[in-house]
Protein backbone atom coordinates (compact mmCIF):
# COMPACT_ATOMS: atom_id res chain seq x y z
CA UNK A 1 14.84 58.08 -9.99
CA UNK A 2 16.70 54.84 -10.68
CA UNK A 3 15.80 53.54 -7.27
CA UNK A 4 12.09 54.18 -7.89
CA UNK A 5 12.31 52.39 -11.24
CA UNK A 6 14.01 49.34 -9.69
CA UNK A 7 11.37 49.24 -6.96
CA UNK A 8 8.59 49.29 -9.53
CA UNK A 9 10.25 46.55 -11.55
CA UNK A 10 10.69 44.42 -8.40
CA UNK A 11 7.06 45.02 -7.48
CA UNK A 12 5.96 43.97 -10.99
CA UNK A 13 8.24 40.86 -10.73
CA UNK A 14 6.67 39.96 -7.37
CA UNK A 15 3.17 40.33 -8.77
CA UNK A 16 4.20 38.11 -11.64
CA UNK A 17 5.57 35.42 -9.30
CA UNK A 18 2.49 35.58 -7.11
CA UNK A 19 0.27 35.29 -10.16
CA UNK A 20 2.31 32.29 -11.41
CA UNK A 21 2.08 30.59 -8.01
CA UNK A 22 -1.69 31.15 -7.98
CA UNK A 23 -1.92 29.64 -11.43
CA UNK A 24 0.15 26.60 -10.22
CA UNK A 25 -2.10 26.09 -7.29
CA UNK A 26 -5.15 26.23 -9.49
CA UNK A 27 -3.56 23.68 -11.93
CA UNK A 28 -2.63 21.56 -8.92
CA UNK A 29 -6.20 21.59 -7.70
CA UNK A 30 -7.53 20.67 -11.08
CA UNK A 31 -4.96 17.85 -11.35
CA UNK A 32 -6.07 16.49 -7.88
CA UNK A 33 -9.69 16.53 -9.01
CA UNK A 34 -8.84 14.90 -12.33
CA UNK A 35 -6.76 12.19 -10.64
CA UNK A 36 -9.65 11.10 -8.40
CA UNK A 37 -12.43 11.71 -11.00
CA UNK A 38 -12.85 8.12 -12.18
CA UNK A 39 -13.52 6.60 -8.78
CA UNK A 40 -16.95 8.16 -8.14
CA UNK A 41 -17.91 6.91 -11.64
CA UNK A 42 -16.63 3.36 -10.87
CA UNK A 43 -18.33 3.46 -7.52
CA UNK A 44 -21.69 4.43 -9.04
CA UNK A 45 -21.52 1.75 -11.68
CA UNK A 46 -20.58 -0.89 -9.16
CA UNK A 47 -23.33 0.02 -6.78
CA UNK A 48 -26.07 0.78 -9.40
CA UNK A 49 -25.40 -1.56 -12.29
CA UNK A 50 -29.03 -1.80 -13.40
CA UNK A 51 -29.29 1.96 -13.75
CA UNK A 52 -26.26 1.92 -16.01
CA UNK A 53 -27.62 -0.88 -18.09
CA UNK A 54 -30.92 0.99 -18.39
CA UNK A 55 -29.06 4.25 -19.27
CA UNK A 56 -27.25 2.41 -22.03
CA UNK A 57 -30.53 1.11 -23.28
CA UNK A 58 -30.81 -2.63 -22.72
CA UNK A 59 -32.73 -3.13 -25.93
CA UNK A 60 -30.73 -0.66 -28.04
CA UNK A 61 -27.74 -2.91 -28.69
CA UNK A 62 -25.37 -0.66 -26.80
CA UNK A 63 -23.15 -2.77 -24.64
CA UNK A 64 -22.89 -1.31 -21.07
CA UNK A 65 -19.27 -2.68 -20.86
CA UNK A 66 -18.27 -1.04 -24.11
CA UNK A 67 -19.88 2.34 -23.10
CA UNK A 68 -18.12 2.08 -19.75
CA UNK A 69 -14.80 1.36 -21.49
CA UNK A 70 -15.20 4.44 -23.74
CA UNK A 71 -16.08 6.71 -20.80
CA UNK A 72 -13.24 5.21 -18.73
CA UNK A 73 -10.68 5.83 -21.52
CA UNK A 74 -11.86 9.43 -21.82
CA UNK A 75 -11.48 9.97 -18.04
CA UNK A 76 -8.07 8.19 -18.13
CA UNK A 77 -7.01 10.74 -20.91
CA UNK A 78 -8.11 13.63 -18.68
CA UNK A 79 -6.12 12.10 -15.77
CA UNK A 80 -2.93 11.84 -17.82
CA UNK A 81 -3.26 15.35 -19.27
CA UNK A 82 -3.77 16.77 -15.77
CA UNK A 83 -0.67 14.89 -14.51
CA UNK A 84 1.38 16.29 -17.34
CA UNK A 85 0.55 19.73 -16.09
CA UNK A 86 2.16 19.12 -12.71
CA UNK A 87 5.03 16.76 -13.75
CA UNK A 88 8.65 17.38 -14.38
CA UNK A 89 10.42 14.93 -16.61
CA UNK A 90 14.01 13.90 -16.64
CA UNK A 91 15.91 11.26 -18.60
CA UNK A 92 17.05 8.66 -17.89
CA UNK A 93 14.41 7.58 -15.30
CA UNK A 94 15.62 5.98 -12.06
CA UNK A 95 16.43 2.29 -12.20
CA UNK A 96 13.34 1.31 -10.17
CA UNK A 97 11.19 2.78 -12.98
CA UNK A 98 11.64 -0.03 -15.47
CA UNK A 99 10.82 -3.14 -13.33
CA UNK A 100 7.83 -1.39 -11.71
CA UNK A 101 6.44 -0.02 -14.96
CA UNK A 102 7.06 -3.13 -17.08
CA UNK A 103 5.57 -5.56 -14.48
CA UNK A 104 2.69 -3.18 -13.79
CA UNK A 105 1.82 -2.91 -17.47
CA UNK A 106 2.27 -6.70 -17.86
CA UNK A 107 -0.29 -7.29 -15.21
CA UNK A 108 -2.74 -4.88 -16.80
CA UNK A 109 -2.26 -6.46 -20.24
CA UNK A 110 -2.60 -9.96 -18.77
CA UNK A 111 -5.81 -9.18 -16.94
CA UNK A 112 -7.35 -7.68 -20.11
CA UNK A 113 -6.16 -10.65 -22.11
CA UNK A 114 -7.78 -13.15 -19.73
CA UNK A 115 -11.03 -11.23 -18.99
CA UNK A 116 -11.54 -9.30 -22.16
CA UNK A 117 -13.44 -5.99 -22.26
CA UNK A 118 -16.62 -7.38 -20.61
CA UNK A 119 -14.67 -8.93 -17.70
CA UNK A 120 -12.51 -5.91 -17.17
CA UNK A 121 -15.41 -3.38 -17.41
CA UNK A 122 -17.90 -4.79 -14.93
CA UNK A 123 -19.56 -7.22 -17.15
CA UNK A 124 -20.57 -9.50 -14.29
CA UNK A 125 -22.23 -6.54 -12.63
CA UNK A 126 -24.11 -5.72 -15.92
CA UNK A 127 -25.57 -9.21 -16.06
CA UNK A 128 -23.01 -10.90 -18.30
CA UNK A 129 -21.80 -14.40 -17.71
CA UNK A 130 -18.04 -13.99 -17.31
CA UNK A 131 -16.04 -17.17 -16.75
CA UNK A 132 -13.87 -17.37 -13.62
CA UNK A 133 -10.18 -16.74 -14.44
CA UNK A 134 -7.63 -18.94 -12.71
CA UNK A 135 -4.49 -18.43 -14.88
CA UNK A 136 -1.67 -16.21 -13.71
CA UNK A 137 -1.89 -13.53 -12.28
CA UNK A 138 -5.28 -14.62 -10.84
CA UNK A 139 -4.93 -16.86 -7.82
CA UNK A 140 -1.42 -15.52 -7.24
CA UNK A 141 -1.98 -11.70 -7.04
CA UNK A 142 -5.06 -10.35 -5.44
CA UNK A 143 -6.65 -7.54 -7.65
CA UNK A 144 -3.86 -7.83 -10.32
CA UNK A 145 -5.19 -5.11 -12.46
CA UNK A 146 -5.20 -2.62 -9.67
CA UNK A 147 -1.87 -3.84 -8.43
CA UNK A 148 -0.45 -3.35 -11.95
CA UNK A 149 -1.82 0.14 -12.13
CA UNK A 150 -0.38 1.05 -8.74
CA UNK A 151 3.09 -0.36 -9.66
CA UNK A 152 2.97 1.67 -12.86
CA UNK A 153 2.11 4.85 -10.87
CA UNK A 154 4.82 4.18 -8.24
CA UNK A 155 7.32 3.95 -11.15
CA UNK A 156 6.51 7.53 -12.00
CA UNK A 157 7.30 8.95 -8.55
CA UNK A 158 10.43 10.71 -9.77
CA UNK A 159 8.38 12.73 -12.22
CA UNK A 160 5.02 13.19 -10.61
CA UNK A 161 4.64 14.89 -7.23
CA UNK A 162 3.85 12.43 -4.46
CA UNK A 163 0.44 13.96 -3.69
CA UNK A 164 -1.01 13.01 -7.10
CA UNK A 165 0.33 9.45 -6.99
CA UNK A 166 -0.96 9.11 -3.44
CA UNK A 167 -4.43 10.27 -4.36
CA UNK A 168 -4.57 7.91 -7.30
CA UNK A 169 -3.42 4.99 -5.21
CA UNK A 170 -5.95 5.99 -2.51
CA UNK A 171 -8.66 5.88 -5.24
CA UNK A 172 -7.62 2.37 -6.20
CA UNK A 173 -7.62 1.24 -2.58
CA UNK A 174 -11.09 2.69 -2.22
CA UNK A 175 -12.42 0.92 -5.29
CA UNK A 176 -10.72 -2.38 -4.32
CA UNK A 177 -12.59 -2.15 -1.05
CA UNK A 178 -15.84 -1.41 -2.80
CA UNK A 179 -15.47 -4.24 -5.27
CA UNK A 180 -14.45 -6.72 -2.57
CA UNK A 181 -18.06 -6.61 -1.16
CA UNK A 182 -20.03 -7.71 -4.17
CA UNK A 183 -23.60 -8.80 -3.52
CA UNK A 184 -24.82 -10.97 -6.45
CA UNK A 185 -28.35 -9.91 -5.64
CA UNK A 186 -27.53 -6.35 -6.77
CA UNK A 187 -26.34 -7.35 -10.21
CA UNK A 188 -28.27 -6.04 -13.20
CA UNK A 189 -30.72 -8.37 -14.89
CA UNK A 190 -28.94 -10.69 -17.29
CA UNK A 191 -28.44 -9.20 -20.79
CA UNK A 192 -30.21 -11.05 -23.60
């Protein structure tokens, strides 16, 4: 009788473990999808800027850069929440964390400081006149905003499983490639 009870308990435990593993796989899949989710959005906006400007309503006063920034921040929030679901944190972080993260965030901050919202969020593609930036990090580091983001992601490798960092970096590599082939003829009509 005791033997049967132990076998039932073991069977229930195994079912619980299997159910937990299935949930983890499902969360992992959702995290993968969330990590790559902004890149189709960025690709669409880069390749169809006039459609985005029209969608935002060129005469409505809604700035397509501002709308893109809002949508991008929402997607970024979803990305971070999904990463939290698959991450394991420990303190203190490894020594490589601090220089990678601080320099990565410095690059992001500096790009935003130099380009502003319109320059960061495809203003030139949406028909805005964005002055060419030459101050550091431009002219020294190619694609400094993406490099900064990649460095910040690599800093988190001790907490976030490699797959998710790899997918995110792959997304940045893809969008860098897309943005490197800009055809000025495909830009949206200048905003008034």
